[in-house]
Amino acid sequence: MRHRWLLAAIVWTAAAAISLPAVHAQTDLISAARKEGRVAVYGTLESPIFEVIQALFREKYGIPVEYFRLAANRLLDRVLTEVRAGKPQFDVALSNLSPMLLMKKEGAFGKYTSPSYAAFPPASLDRAEILSPPYRMTVISIVYNTRLVSAGEAPKTLPDLVSEKWKGQVVMPDPNQHITTAVWLANLQGLMGAEYRPFVERLAQQAVLVDSFDPAMQKIVAGEYPLGLTYMKYVYVMGKQGAPLDYVRLNPVLAEGNHVALAARPVHPNAARLFIDLFTSRLGLRTLAGAGEFVIVPGIYPPIKDAATLHVRLMRDMDEQQLARWRSEFGAFFRKH
């Protein structure tokens, strides 16, 4: 099977032989981390998926991980509120790129280059040594309830989604509140060309808006809406619990890179560094892939049908000014709705 993966050319390099000083340094880090007793992580990764990492970290090091899961916009607000108040309560943050860049700009993170980063392509490394390389891709597609929509009836393209047939039947996050949705919509402009503006206008008129991808998925699973825009991984994650979901094989599908970073003032600095080391290691990424994530490691795919054949394209991120500009021009359609 030919893998049409955006980053398929990336070669996951073998780890260099570990020197004796490196072994001592790792031993010292583990010892110091155990003395701190725990690590606090804020993130957008769904709790059931993060639980596999919690279990792995505790099994390997005997250190509990306290996890606070929030949607990207709420994570951004909470971190910046704590940082500006001078009372950060987190040791590690992980989210998609756009909010991570905004938090980085506000000084929420400190420098840390994990030994695990040596296995990533040099071009993916943060020159400021603050954000990790992208370790996973959150892939967005049209997801539908198979009890309400058959594969033959489902939209085949994005323009199909805004046909009169689906008016009032599509659920999606509000791009004026949800950063990832705004970034996704903005990146469609380069793919759709002249079809872009009519598509956005019709989508705004026809879609039902919610806070984030998770409630969109929940409403599709419950049958409140037959289909919507959300993360593709829910087909597997919720499917394990019996949810009747499938996804539209868009070509290409857009995804946002996700990163992890150390807090500028971590309460448990050694446990935080040790957590990042494991989280971004090949073992950590394999564990995430097994739980349904698209990790950026060639040859490793989530257990989602046809995952290996997808043409996944990483989205161009937007800074604060670009996001405000997009919302001013195109977000206005959704505000009116």
C-alpha atoms as a PDB file:
ATOM      1  CA  MET A   1       0.000   0.000   0.000  1.00  0.00           C
ATOM      2  CA  ARG A   2       1.427   3.348  -1.022  1.00  0.00           C
ATOM      3  CA  HIS A   3       1.385   5.786   1.880  1.00  0.00           C
ATOM      4  CA  ARG A   4       0.275   9.249   0.825  1.00  0.00           C
ATOM      5  CA  TRP A   5       1.381  10.982   3.981  1.00  0.00           C
ATOM      6  CA  LEU A   6       2.402  14.629   3.973  1.00  0.00           C
ATOM      7  CA  LEU A   7       5.421  13.866   6.116  1.00  0.00           C
ATOM      8  CA  ALA A   8       6.117  10.405   4.749  1.00  0.00           C
ATOM      9  CA  ALA A   9       9.579  11.500   3.693  1.00  0.00           C
ATOM     10  CA  ILE A  10      10.584  12.088   7.287  1.00  0.00           C
ATOM     11  CA  VAL A  11      12.908   9.385   8.498  1.00  0.00           C
ATOM     12  CA  TRP A  12      12.650   8.592  12.186  1.00  0.00           C
ATOM     13  CA  THR A  13      16.350   8.437  13.079  1.00  0.00           C
ATOM     14  CA  ALA A  14      17.745   5.837  15.416  1.00  0.00           C
ATOM     15  CA  ALA A  15      18.661   7.105  18.846  1.00  0.00           C
ATOM     16  CA  ALA A  16      22.364   7.585  19.410  1.00  0.00           C
ATOM     17  CA  ALA A  17      24.149   5.316  21.852  1.00  0.00           C
ATOM     18  CA  ILE A  18      23.658   6.555  25.396  1.00  0.00           C
ATOM     19  CA  SER A  19      26.858   7.616  27.064  1.00  0.00           C
ATOM     20  CA  LEU A  20      27.634   6.925  30.699  1.00  0.00           C
ATOM     21  CA  PRO A  21      27.140  10.604  31.727  1.00  0.00           C
ATOM     22  CA  ALA A  22      23.751  10.591  29.999  1.00  0.00           C
ATOM     23  CA  VAL A  23      22.735   7.506  31.949  1.00  0.00           C
ATOM     24  CA  HIS A  24      23.756   9.221  35.195  1.00  0.00           C
ATOM     25  CA  ALA A  25      21.853  12.370  34.229  1.00  0.00           C
ATOM     26  CA  GLN A  26      18.705  10.339  33.502  1.00  0.00           C
ATOM     27  CA  THR A  27      19.053   8.503  36.817  1.00  0.00           C
ATOM     28  CA  ASP A  28      19.416  11.815  38.661  1.00  0.00           C
ATOM     29  CA  LEU A  29      16.363  13.248  36.879  1.00  0.00           C
ATOM     30  CA  ILE A  30      14.219  10.252  37.789  1.00  0.00           C
ATOM     31  CA  SER A  31      15.336  10.435  41.417  1.00  0.00           C
ATOM     32  CA  ALA A  32      14.591  14.176  41.622  1.00  0.00           C
ATOM     33  CA  ALA A  33      11.237  13.715  39.897  1.00  0.00           C
ATOM     34  CA  ARG A  34      10.195  11.035  42.367  1.00  0.00           C
ATOM     35  CA  LYS A  35      11.012  13.329  45.257  1.00  0.00           C
ATOM     36  CA  GLU A  36       8.676  15.983  43.789  1.00  0.00           C
ATOM     37  CA  GLY A  37       5.909  13.390  43.876  1.00  0.00           C
ATOM     38  CA  ARG A  38       3.685  14.441  40.979  1.00  0.00           C
ATOM     39  CA  VAL A  39       3.346  16.500  37.808  1.00  0.00           C
ATOM     40  CA  ALA A  40       0.452  18.756  36.729  1.00  0.00           C
ATOM     41  CA  VAL A  41      -0.434  18.844  33.027  1.00  0.00           C
ATOM     42  CA  TYR A  42      -2.911  21.129  31.235  1.00  0.00           C
ATOM     43  CA  GLY A  43      -3.941  19.943  27.791  1.00  0.00           C
ATOM     44  CA  THR A  44      -6.474  19.500  25.018  1.00  0.00           C
ATOM     45  CA  LEU A  45      -5.874  15.772  24.590  1.00  0.00           C
ATOM     46  CA  GLU A  46      -9.062  13.896  25.487  1.00  0.00           C
ATOM     47  CA  SER A  47      -8.977  12.371  28.963  1.00  0.00           C
ATOM     48  CA  PRO A  48      -9.551   8.730  27.877  1.00  0.00           C
ATOM     49  CA  ILE A  49      -6.570   9.007  25.509  1.00  0.00           C
ATOM     50  CA  PHE A  50      -4.385  10.806  28.037  1.00  0.00           C
ATOM     51  CA  GLU A  51      -5.112   8.061  30.549  1.00  0.00           C
ATOM     52  CA  VAL A  52      -2.909   5.662  28.587  1.00  0.00           C
ATOM     53  CA  ILE A  53      -0.003   8.090  29.040  1.00  0.00           C
ATOM     54  CA  GLN A  54      -0.813   8.554  32.729  1.00  0.00           C
ATOM     55  CA  ALA A  55      -0.727   4.795  33.198  1.00  0.00           C
ATOM     56  CA  LEU A  56       2.519   4.461  31.249  1.00  0.00           C
ATOM     57  CA  PHE A  57       4.256   7.222  33.235  1.00  0.00           C
ATOM     58  CA  ARG A  58       3.100   5.873  36.581  1.00  0.00           C
ATOM     59  CA  GLU A  59       4.044   2.301  35.682  1.00  0.00           C
ATOM     60  CA  LYS A  60       7.495   3.354  34.525  1.00  0.00           C
ATOM     61  CA  TYR A  61       8.360   5.905  37.221  1.00  0.00           C
ATOM     62  CA  GLY A  62       5.760   5.558  39.993  1.00  0.00           C
ATOM     63  CA  ILE A  63       4.797   9.233  39.663  1.00  0.00           C
ATOM     64  CA  PRO A  64       1.135  10.309  39.356  1.00  0.00           C
ATOM     65  CA  VAL A  65       0.105  12.775  36.652  1.00  0.00           C
ATOM     66  CA  GLU A  66      -2.653  15.276  37.466  1.00  0.00           C
ATOM     67  CA  TYR A  67      -4.380  16.155  34.219  1.00  0.00           C
ATOM     68  CA  PHE A  68      -6.720  19.062  33.497  1.00  0.00           C
ATOM     69  CA  ARG A  69      -8.369  18.762  30.098  1.00  0.00           C
ATOM     70  CA  LEU A  70      -9.808  21.870  28.429  1.00  0.00           C
ATOM     71  CA  ALA A  71     -10.797  22.978  24.937  1.00  0.00           C
ATOM     72  CA  ALA A  72      -8.054  24.978  23.209  1.00  0.00           C
ATOM     73  CA  ASN A  73      -9.628  28.404  23.799  1.00  0.00           C
ATOM     74  CA  ARG A  74     -10.298  27.643  27.471  1.00  0.00           C
ATOM     75  CA  LEU A  75      -6.819  26.247  27.947  1.00  0.00           C
ATOM     76  CA  LEU A  76      -5.386  29.452  26.524  1.00  0.00           C
ATOM     77  CA  ASP A  77      -7.535  31.596  28.825  1.00  0.00           C
ATOM     78  CA  ARG A  78      -6.684  29.567  31.940  1.00  0.00           C
ATOM     79  CA  VAL A  79      -2.938  29.493  31.330  1.00  0.00           C
ATOM     80  CA  LEU A  80      -2.720  33.207  30.543  1.00  0.00           C
ATOM     81  CA  THR A  81      -4.884  34.101  33.555  1.00  0.00           C
ATOM     82  CA  GLU A  82      -2.603  32.132  35.869  1.00  0.00           C
ATOM     83  CA  VAL A  83       0.583  33.472  34.285  1.00  0.00           C
ATOM     84  CA  ARG A  84      -0.562  37.107  34.419  1.00  0.00           C
ATOM     85  CA  ALA A  85      -1.580  36.658  38.049  1.00  0.00           C
ATOM     86  CA  GLY A  86       1.875  35.258  38.810  1.00  0.00           C
ATOM     87  CA  LYS A  87       0.362  32.000  40.088  1.00  0.00           C
ATOM     88  CA  PRO A  88       0.814  29.287  37.452  1.00  0.00           C
ATOM     89  CA  GLN A  89      -0.534  25.931  38.624  1.00  0.00           C
ATOM     90  CA  PHE A  90       0.683  23.788  35.732  1.00  0.00           C
ATOM     91  CA  ASP A  91       4.031  22.145  35.003  1.00  0.00           C
ATOM     92  CA  VAL A  92       3.410  21.129  31.392  1.00  0.00           C
ATOM     93  CA  ALA A  93       0.996  22.307  28.699  1.00  0.00           C
ATOM     94  CA  LEU A  94       0.083  20.531  25.482  1.00  0.00           C
ATOM     95  CA  SER A  95      -2.184  21.754  22.708  1.00  0.00           C
ATOM     96  CA  ASN A  96      -2.416  22.525  19.021  1.00  0.00           C
ATOM     97  CA  LEU A  97       0.023  24.993  17.559  1.00  0.00           C
ATOM     98  CA  SER A  98      -1.955  28.251  17.399  1.00  0.00           C
ATOM     99  CA  PRO A  99      -2.748  28.551  21.144  1.00  0.00           C
ATOM    100  CA  MET A 100       0.716  27.234  22.006  1.00  0.00           C
ATOM    101  CA  LEU A 101       2.253  30.086  20.009  1.00  0.00           C
ATOM    102  CA  LEU A 102       0.047  32.628  21.772  1.00  0.00           C
ATOM    103  CA  MET A 103       1.028  31.233  25.188  1.00  0.00           C
ATOM    104  CA  LYS A 104       4.680  31.164  24.178  1.00  0.00           C
ATOM    105  CA  LYS A 105       4.464  34.831  23.147  1.00  0.00           C
ATOM    106  CA  GLU A 106       3.059  35.702  26.595  1.00  0.00           C
ATOM    107  CA  GLY A 107       5.997  34.042  28.373  1.00  0.00           C
ATOM    108  CA  ALA A 108       4.025  31.075  29.724  1.00  0.00           C
ATOM    109  CA  PHE A 109       6.743  28.567  28.828  1.00  0.00           C
ATOM    110  CA  GLY A 110      10.383  28.006  29.654  1.00  0.00           C
ATOM    111  CA  LYS A 111      13.185  26.526  27.575  1.00  0.00           C
ATOM    112  CA  TYR A 112      13.589  22.774  27.465  1.00  0.00           C
ATOM    113  CA  THR A 113      15.052  20.483  24.812  1.00  0.00           C
ATOM    114  CA  SER A 114      14.211  16.878  25.625  1.00  0.00           C
ATOM    115  CA  PRO A 115      16.635  14.126  24.599  1.00  0.00           C
ATOM    116  CA  SER A 116      13.657  12.641  22.729  1.00  0.00           C
ATOM    117  CA  TYR A 117      13.726  15.569  20.307  1.00  0.00           C
ATOM    118  CA  ALA A 118      16.961  14.230  18.774  1.00  0.00           C
ATOM    119  CA  ALA A 119      14.872  11.650  16.899  1.00  0.00           C
ATOM    120  CA  PHE A 120      12.784  14.330  15.152  1.00  0.00           C
ATOM    121  CA  PRO A 121      13.844  16.019  11.887  1.00  0.00           C
ATOM    122  CA  PRO A 122      16.022  19.099  12.628  1.00  0.00           C
ATOM    123  CA  ALA A 123      13.666  21.320  10.623  1.00  0.00           C
ATOM    124  CA  SER A 124      10.842  20.567  13.078  1.00  0.00           C
ATOM    125  CA  LEU A 125      12.738  21.854  16.120  1.00  0.00           C
ATOM    126  CA  ASP A 126      11.837  25.175  17.747  1.00  0.00           C
ATOM    127  CA  ARG A 127      14.799  27.539  17.374  1.00  0.00           C
ATOM    128  CA  ALA A 128      13.829  29.185  20.646  1.00  0.00           C
ATOM    129  CA  GLU A 129      14.032  25.765  22.357  1.00  0.00           C
ATOM    130  CA  ILE A 130      10.611  26.222  23.953  1.00  0.00           C
ATOM    131  CA  LEU A 131       8.028  24.190  22.032  1.00  0.00           C
ATOM    132  CA  SER A 132       8.511  20.531  21.246  1.00  0.00           C
ATOM    133  CA  PRO A 133       8.492  19.376  17.635  1.00  0.00           C
ATOM    134  CA  PRO A 134       4.961  18.497  16.467  1.00  0.00           C
ATOM    135  CA  TYR A 135       4.321  15.062  17.925  1.00  0.00           C
ATOM    136  CA  ARG A 136       0.787  14.403  16.603  1.00  0.00           C
ATOM    137  CA  MET A 137      -1.704  15.740  14.079  1.00  0.00           C
ATOM    138  CA  THR A 138      -5.326  16.458  14.967  1.00  0.00           C
ATOM    139  CA  VAL A 139      -7.096  15.541  11.732  1.00  0.00           C
ATOM    140  CA  ILE A 140     -10.424  17.235  10.968  1.00  0.00           C
ATOM    141  CA  SER A 141     -13.100  15.766   8.722  1.00  0.00           C
ATOM    142  CA  ILE A 142     -16.822  15.325   8.238  1.00  0.00           C
ATOM    143  CA  VAL A 143     -17.986  12.685  10.729  1.00  0.00           C
ATOM    144  CA  TYR A 144     -21.433  11.140  10.497  1.00  0.00           C
ATOM    145  CA  ASN A 145     -23.756   8.844  12.428  1.00  0.00           C
ATOM    146  CA  THR A 146     -24.076   5.648  10.391  1.00  0.00           C
ATOM    147  CA  ARG A 147     -27.536   4.955  11.816  1.00  0.00           C
ATOM    148  CA  LEU A 148     -28.777   8.183  10.278  1.00  0.00           C
ATOM    149  CA  VAL A 149     -26.575   8.511   7.195  1.00  0.00           C
ATOM    150  CA  SER A 150     -25.319   5.708   4.947  1.00  0.00           C
ATOM    151  CA  ALA A 151     -21.935   5.843   3.243  1.00  0.00           C
ATOM    152  CA  GLY A 152     -23.721   6.384  -0.069  1.00  0.00           C
ATOM    153  CA  GLU A 153     -25.735   9.308   1.293  1.00  0.00           C
ATOM    154  CA  ALA A 154     -22.822  11.027   3.073  1.00  0.00           C
ATOM    155  CA  PRO A 155     -21.196  14.094   1.480  1.00  0.00           C
ATOM    156  CA  LYS A 156     -18.194  13.289  -0.690  1.00  0.00           C
ATOM    157  CA  THR A 157     -16.685  16.785  -0.691  1.00  0.00           C
ATOM    158  CA  LEU A 158     -16.851  19.946   1.393  1.00  0.00           C
ATOM    159  CA  PRO A 159     -19.164  21.710  -1.114  1.00  0.00           C
ATOM    160  CA  ASP A 160     -21.520  18.720  -0.740  1.00  0.00           C
ATOM    161  CA  LEU A 161     -21.755  19.558   2.963  1.00  0.00           C
ATOM    162  CA  VAL A 162     -23.492  22.884   2.263  1.00  0.00           C
ATOM    163  CA  SER A 163     -26.127  21.536  -0.097  1.00  0.00           C
ATOM    164  CA  GLU A 164     -29.740  22.278   0.812  1.00  0.00           C
ATOM    165  CA  LYS A 165     -30.102  18.635   1.905  1.00  0.00           C
ATOM    166  CA  TRP A 166     -27.982  19.256   5.025  1.00  0.00           C
ATOM    167  CA  LYS A 167     -29.383  22.643   6.052  1.00  0.00           C
ATOM    168  CA  GLY A 168     -29.693  22.696   9.842  1.00  0.00           C
ATOM    169  CA  GLN A 169     -28.250  19.177  10.030  1.00  0.00           C
ATOM    170  CA  VAL A 170     -24.541  20.031  10.414  1.00  0.00           C
ATOM    171  CA  VAL A 171     -22.994  20.669  13.832  1.00  0.00           C
ATOM    172  CA  MET A 172     -19.585  22.327  14.238  1.00  0.00           C
ATOM    173  CA  PRO A 173     -17.581  24.522  16.646  1.00  0.00           C
ATOM    174  CA  ASP A 174     -18.090  28.272  16.474  1.00  0.00           C
ATOM    175  CA  PRO A 175     -14.935  29.691  14.815  1.00  0.00           C
ATOM    176  CA  ASN A 176     -15.365  32.942  16.745  1.00  0.00           C
ATOM    177  CA  GLN A 177     -14.781  31.004  19.964  1.00  0.00           C
ATOM    178  CA  HIS A 178     -12.817  27.956  18.874  1.00  0.00           C
ATOM    179  CA  ILE A 179      -9.312  28.685  17.567  1.00  0.00           C
ATOM    180  CA  THR A 180      -8.718  25.394  15.755  1.00  0.00           C
ATOM    181  CA  THR A 181     -11.937  25.736  13.757  1.00  0.00           C
ATOM    182  CA  ALA A 182     -10.964  29.257  12.679  1.00  0.00           C
ATOM    183  CA  VAL A 183      -7.519  28.004  11.607  1.00  0.00           C
ATOM    184  CA  TRP A 184      -9.109  25.104   9.711  1.00  0.00           C
ATOM    185  CA  LEU A 185     -11.529  27.371   7.878  1.00  0.00           C
ATOM    186  CA  ALA A 186      -8.763  29.843   7.036  1.00  0.00           C
ATOM    187  CA  ASN A 187      -6.603  27.062   5.575  1.00  0.00           C
ATOM    188  CA  LEU A 188      -9.415  25.936   3.301  1.00  0.00           C
ATOM    189  CA  GLN A 189      -9.017  29.140   1.297  1.00  0.00           C
ATOM    190  CA  GLY A 190      -5.875  27.839  -0.391  1.00  0.00           C
ATOM    191  CA  LEU A 191      -7.570  24.531  -1.233  1.00  0.00           C
ATOM    192  CA  MET A 192     -10.940  25.753  -2.470  1.00  0.00           C
ATOM    193  CA  GLY A 193     -10.034  28.835  -4.482  1.00  0.00           C
ATOM    194  CA  ALA A 194     -13.112  30.557  -5.919  1.00  0.00           C
ATOM    195  CA  GLU A 195     -15.404  28.117  -4.081  1.00  0.00           C
ATOM    196  CA  TYR A 196     -14.127  29.283  -0.701  1.00  0.00           C
ATOM    197  CA  ARG A 197     -16.196  32.363   0.091  1.00  0.00           C
ATOM    198  CA  PRO A 198     -19.536  30.841  -1.045  1.00  0.00           C
ATOM    199  CA  PHE A 199     -18.710  27.737   1.012  1.00  0.00           C
ATOM    200  CA  VAL A 200     -18.008  29.714   4.202  1.00  0.00           C
ATOM    201  CA  GLU A 201     -21.122  31.858   3.746  1.00  0.00           C
ATOM    202  CA  ARG A 202     -23.389  28.848   3.218  1.00  0.00           C
ATOM    203  CA  LEU A 203     -21.789  26.896   6.065  1.00  0.00           C
ATOM    204  CA  ALA A 204     -22.407  29.812   8.434  1.00  0.00           C
ATOM    205  CA  GLN A 205     -26.060  29.944   7.363  1.00  0.00           C
ATOM    206  CA  GLN A 206     -26.669  26.219   7.628  1.00  0.00           C
ATOM    207  CA  ALA A 207     -24.556  24.920  10.536  1.00  0.00           C
ATOM    208  CA  VAL A 208     -25.481  24.649  14.206  1.00  0.00           C
ATOM    209  CA  LEU A 209     -22.663  26.033  16.368  1.00  0.00           C
ATOM    210  CA  VAL A 210     -21.244  24.582  19.613  1.00  0.00           C
ATOM    211  CA  ASP A 211     -18.222  25.358  21.785  1.00  0.00           C
ATOM    212  CA  SER A 212     -15.694  22.821  20.471  1.00  0.00           C
ATOM    213  CA  PHE A 213     -15.158  19.533  18.657  1.00  0.00           C
ATOM    214  CA  ASP A 214     -16.086  17.395  21.661  1.00  0.00           C
ATOM    215  CA  PRO A 215     -19.706  18.613  22.016  1.00  0.00           C
ATOM    216  CA  ALA A 216     -20.052  18.414  18.233  1.00  0.00           C
ATOM    217  CA  MET A 217     -19.042  14.761  18.410  1.00  0.00           C
ATOM    218  CA  GLN A 218     -21.370  14.091  21.346  1.00  0.00           C
ATOM    219  CA  LYS A 219     -24.361  15.481  19.458  1.00  0.00           C
ATOM    220  CA  ILE A 220     -23.555  13.341  16.415  1.00  0.00           C
ATOM    221  CA  VAL A 221     -23.225  10.210  18.567  1.00  0.00           C
ATOM    222  CA  ALA A 222     -26.529  11.007  20.323  1.00  0.00           C
ATOM    223  CA  GLY A 223     -28.262  11.391  16.963  1.00  0.00           C
ATOM    224  CA  GLU A 224     -29.205  15.021  17.577  1.00  0.00           C
ATOM    225  CA  TYR A 225     -27.487  15.845  14.286  1.00  0.00           C
ATOM    226  CA  PRO A 226     -26.600  13.331  11.581  1.00  0.00           C
ATOM    227  CA  LEU A 227     -23.182  14.765  10.768  1.00  0.00           C
ATOM    228  CA  GLY A 228     -20.711  17.509  11.559  1.00  0.00           C
ATOM    229  CA  LEU A 229     -17.154  18.786  11.545  1.00  0.00           C
ATOM    230  CA  THR A 230     -14.971  17.294  14.234  1.00  0.00           C
ATOM    231  CA  TYR A 231     -11.859  15.199  14.847  1.00  0.00           C
ATOM    232  CA  MET A 232     -11.588  12.065  12.753  1.00  0.00           C
ATOM    233  CA  LYS A 233     -10.149  10.064  15.655  1.00  0.00           C
ATOM    234  CA  TYR A 234     -13.554  10.041  17.358  1.00  0.00           C
ATOM    235  CA  VAL A 235     -14.613   7.388  14.848  1.00  0.00           C
ATOM    236  CA  TYR A 236     -12.232   5.017  16.637  1.00  0.00           C
ATOM    237  CA  VAL A 237     -12.270   6.444  20.160  1.00  0.00           C
ATOM    238  CA  MET A 238     -16.070   6.520  20.418  1.00  0.00           C
ATOM    239  CA  GLY A 239     -16.460   3.495  18.185  1.00  0.00           C
ATOM    240  CA  LYS A 240     -14.814   1.393  20.890  1.00  0.00           C
ATOM    241  CA  GLN A 241     -17.758   2.337  23.089  1.00  0.00           C
ATOM    242  CA  GLY A 242     -20.264   1.330  20.439  1.00  0.00           C
ATOM    243  CA  ALA A 243     -20.860   4.727  18.801  1.00  0.00           C
ATOM    244  CA  PRO A 244     -22.020   4.324  15.157  1.00  0.00           C
ATOM    245  CA  LEU A 245     -19.564   6.692  13.466  1.00  0.00           C
ATOM    246  CA  ASP A 246     -17.707   6.924  10.166  1.00  0.00           C
ATOM    247  CA  TYR A 247     -15.895   9.749   8.386  1.00  0.00           C
ATOM    248  CA  VAL A 248     -15.762  11.226   4.908  1.00  0.00           C
ATOM    249  CA  ARG A 249     -12.491  10.507   3.088  1.00  0.00           C
ATOM    250  CA  LEU A 250     -11.719  14.073   2.048  1.00  0.00           C
ATOM    251  CA  ASN A 251      -8.653  14.552  -0.126  1.00  0.00           C
ATOM    252  CA  PRO A 252      -6.616  16.096   1.308  1.00  0.00           C
ATOM    253  CA  VAL A 253      -7.620  16.237   4.954  1.00  0.00           C
ATOM    254  CA  LEU A 254      -6.327  19.112   7.035  1.00  0.00           C
ATOM    255  CA  ALA A 255      -4.692  18.666  10.411  1.00  0.00           C
ATOM    256  CA  GLU A 256      -3.045  20.856  13.015  1.00  0.00           C
ATOM    257  CA  GLY A 257       0.259  19.968  14.615  1.00  0.00           C
ATOM    258  CA  ASN A 258       0.285  19.616  18.382  1.00  0.00           C
ATOM    259  CA  HIS A 259       3.134  20.515  20.725  1.00  0.00           C
ATOM    260  CA  VAL A 260       4.116  20.220  24.374  1.00  0.00           C
ATOM    261  CA  ALA A 261       6.036  22.731  26.505  1.00  0.00           C
ATOM    262  CA  LEU A 262       7.474  23.148  29.972  1.00  0.00           C
ATOM    263  CA  ALA A 263       5.956  25.881  32.143  1.00  0.00           C
ATOM    264  CA  ALA A 264       8.117  28.948  32.725  1.00  0.00           C
ATOM    265  CA  ARG A 265       7.724  28.442  36.477  1.00  0.00           C
ATOM    266  CA  PRO A 266       6.947  24.754  37.023  1.00  0.00           C
ATOM    267  CA  VAL A 267       6.128  23.647  40.556  1.00  0.00           C
ATOM    268  CA  HIS A 268       7.552  20.193  39.777  1.00  0.00           C
ATOM    269  CA  PRO A 269      10.327  20.944  37.250  1.00  0.00           C
ATOM    270  CA  ASN A 270      12.061  17.562  37.262  1.00  0.00           C
ATOM    271  CA  ALA A 271       8.858  15.549  37.023  1.00  0.00           C
ATOM    272  CA  ALA A 272       7.758  17.883  34.229  1.00  0.00           C
ATOM    273  CA  ARG A 273      10.942  17.289  32.214  1.00  0.00           C
ATOM    274  CA  LEU A 274      10.713  13.551  32.769  1.00  0.00           C
ATOM    275  CA  PHE A 275       7.089  13.577  31.608  1.00  0.00           C
ATOM    276  CA  ILE A 276       7.974  15.453  28.395  1.00  0.00           C
ATOM    277  CA  ASP A 277      10.822  12.995  27.747  1.00  0.00           C
ATOM    278  CA  LEU A 278       8.487   9.996  27.904  1.00  0.00           C
ATOM    279  CA  PHE A 279       5.556  11.703  26.184  1.00  0.00           C
ATOM    280  CA  THR A 280       7.606  12.583  23.076  1.00  0.00           C
ATOM    281  CA  SER A 281       9.606   9.351  23.005  1.00  0.00           C
ATOM    282  CA  ARG A 282       8.915   6.648  20.441  1.00  0.00           C
ATOM    283  CA  LEU A 283       7.324   4.580  23.212  1.00  0.00           C
ATOM    284  CA  GLY A 284       5.022   7.452  24.164  1.00  0.00           C
ATOM    285  CA  LEU A 285       4.038   8.122  20.558  1.00  0.00           C
ATOM    286  CA  ARG A 286       3.340   4.463  19.832  1.00  0.00           C
ATOM    287  CA  THR A 287       1.116   4.420  22.888  1.00  0.00           C
ATOM    288  CA  LEU A 288      -0.788   7.480  21.648  1.00  0.00           C
ATOM    289  CA  ALA A 289      -1.204   5.986  18.172  1.00  0.00           C
ATOM    290  CA  GLY A 290      -2.651   2.829  19.676  1.00  0.00           C
ATOM    291  CA  ALA A 291      -5.243   4.989  21.442  1.00  0.00           C
ATOM    292  CA  GLY A 292      -6.366   6.585  18.163  1.00  0.00           C
ATOM    293  CA  GLU A 293      -3.952   9.477  17.541  1.00  0.00           C
ATOM    294  CA  PHE A 294      -2.236  10.400  14.278  1.00  0.00           C
ATOM    295  CA  VAL A 295       1.353  10.698  15.503  1.00  0.00           C
ATOM    296  CA  ILE A 296       4.070  12.130  13.294  1.00  0.00           C
ATOM    297  CA  VAL A 297       6.128   8.974  12.977  1.00  0.00           C
ATOM    298  CA  PRO A 298       6.371   7.311   9.544  1.00  0.00           C
ATOM    299  CA  GLY A 299       4.814   3.878   9.461  1.00  0.00           C
ATOM    300  CA  ILE A 300       2.803   4.252  12.677  1.00  0.00           C
ATOM    301  CA  TYR A 301      -0.930   4.805  12.210  1.00  0.00           C
ATOM    302  CA  PRO A 302      -3.968   4.806  14.485  1.00  0.00           C
ATOM    303  CA  PRO A 303      -6.382   1.853  14.231  1.00  0.00           C
ATOM    304  CA  ILE A 304      -8.738   3.844  11.977  1.00  0.00           C
ATOM    305  CA  LYS A 305      -9.884   2.319   8.690  1.00  0.00           C
ATOM    306  CA  ASP A 306      -7.956   3.727   5.699  1.00  0.00           C
ATOM    307  CA  ALA A 307      -5.703   5.856   7.952  1.00  0.00           C
ATOM    308  CA  ALA A 308      -2.583   4.772   6.064  1.00  0.00           C
ATOM    309  CA  THR A 309      -4.009   5.935   2.724  1.00  0.00           C
ATOM    310  CA  LEU A 310      -4.987   9.457   3.756  1.00  0.00           C
ATOM    311  CA  HIS A 311      -3.287  12.505   2.317  1.00  0.00           C
ATOM    312  CA  VAL A 312      -2.873  14.552   5.493  1.00  0.00           C
ATOM    313  CA  ARG A 313      -1.787  18.165   5.135  1.00  0.00           C
ATOM    314  CA  LEU A 314      -0.594  20.157   8.131  1.00  0.00           C
ATOM    315  CA  MET A 315      -2.312  23.523   8.400  1.00  0.00           C
ATOM    316  CA  ARG A 316      -0.557  26.850   8.318  1.00  0.00           C
ATOM    317  CA  ASP A 317      -0.842  28.401  11.769  1.00  0.00           C
ATOM    318  CA  MET A 318      -2.110  31.923  12.416  1.00  0.00           C
ATOM    319  CA  ASP A 319      -0.730  34.467  14.820  1.00  0.00           C
ATOM    320  CA  GLU A 320      -2.936  36.775  16.886  1.00  0.00           C
ATOM    321  CA  GLN A 321      -3.160  39.447  14.176  1.00  0.00           C
ATOM    322  CA  GLN A 322      -3.968  36.952  11.412  1.00  0.00           C
ATOM    323  CA  LEU A 323      -6.631  35.313  13.559  1.00  0.00           C
ATOM    324  CA  ALA A 324      -8.243  38.676  14.298  1.00  0.00           C
ATOM    325  CA  ARG A 325      -8.134  39.581  10.599  1.00  0.00           C
ATOM    326  CA  TRP A 326      -9.787  36.302   9.567  1.00  0.00           C
ATOM    327  CA  ARG A 327     -12.500  36.652  12.201  1.00  0.00           C
ATOM    328  CA  SER A 328     -13.168  40.211  11.105  1.00  0.00           C
ATOM    329  CA  GLU A 329     -13.721  39.194   7.488  1.00  0.00           C
ATOM    330  CA  PHE A 330     -15.170  35.682   7.638  1.00  0.00           C
ATOM    331  CA  GLY A 331     -16.076  35.183  11.293  1.00  0.00           C
ATOM    332  CA  ALA A 332     -18.662  37.913  10.802  1.00  0.00           C
ATOM    333  CA  PHE A 333     -20.778  35.440   8.827  1.00  0.00           C
ATOM    334  CA  PHE A 334     -20.984  33.158  11.852  1.00  0.00           C
ATOM    335  CA  ARG A 335     -21.629  36.066  14.247  1.00  0.00           C
ATOM    336  CA  LYS A 336     -24.634  37.080  12.192  1.00  0.00           C
ATOM    337  CA  HIS A 337     -25.858  33.514  12.291  1.00  0.00           C
END
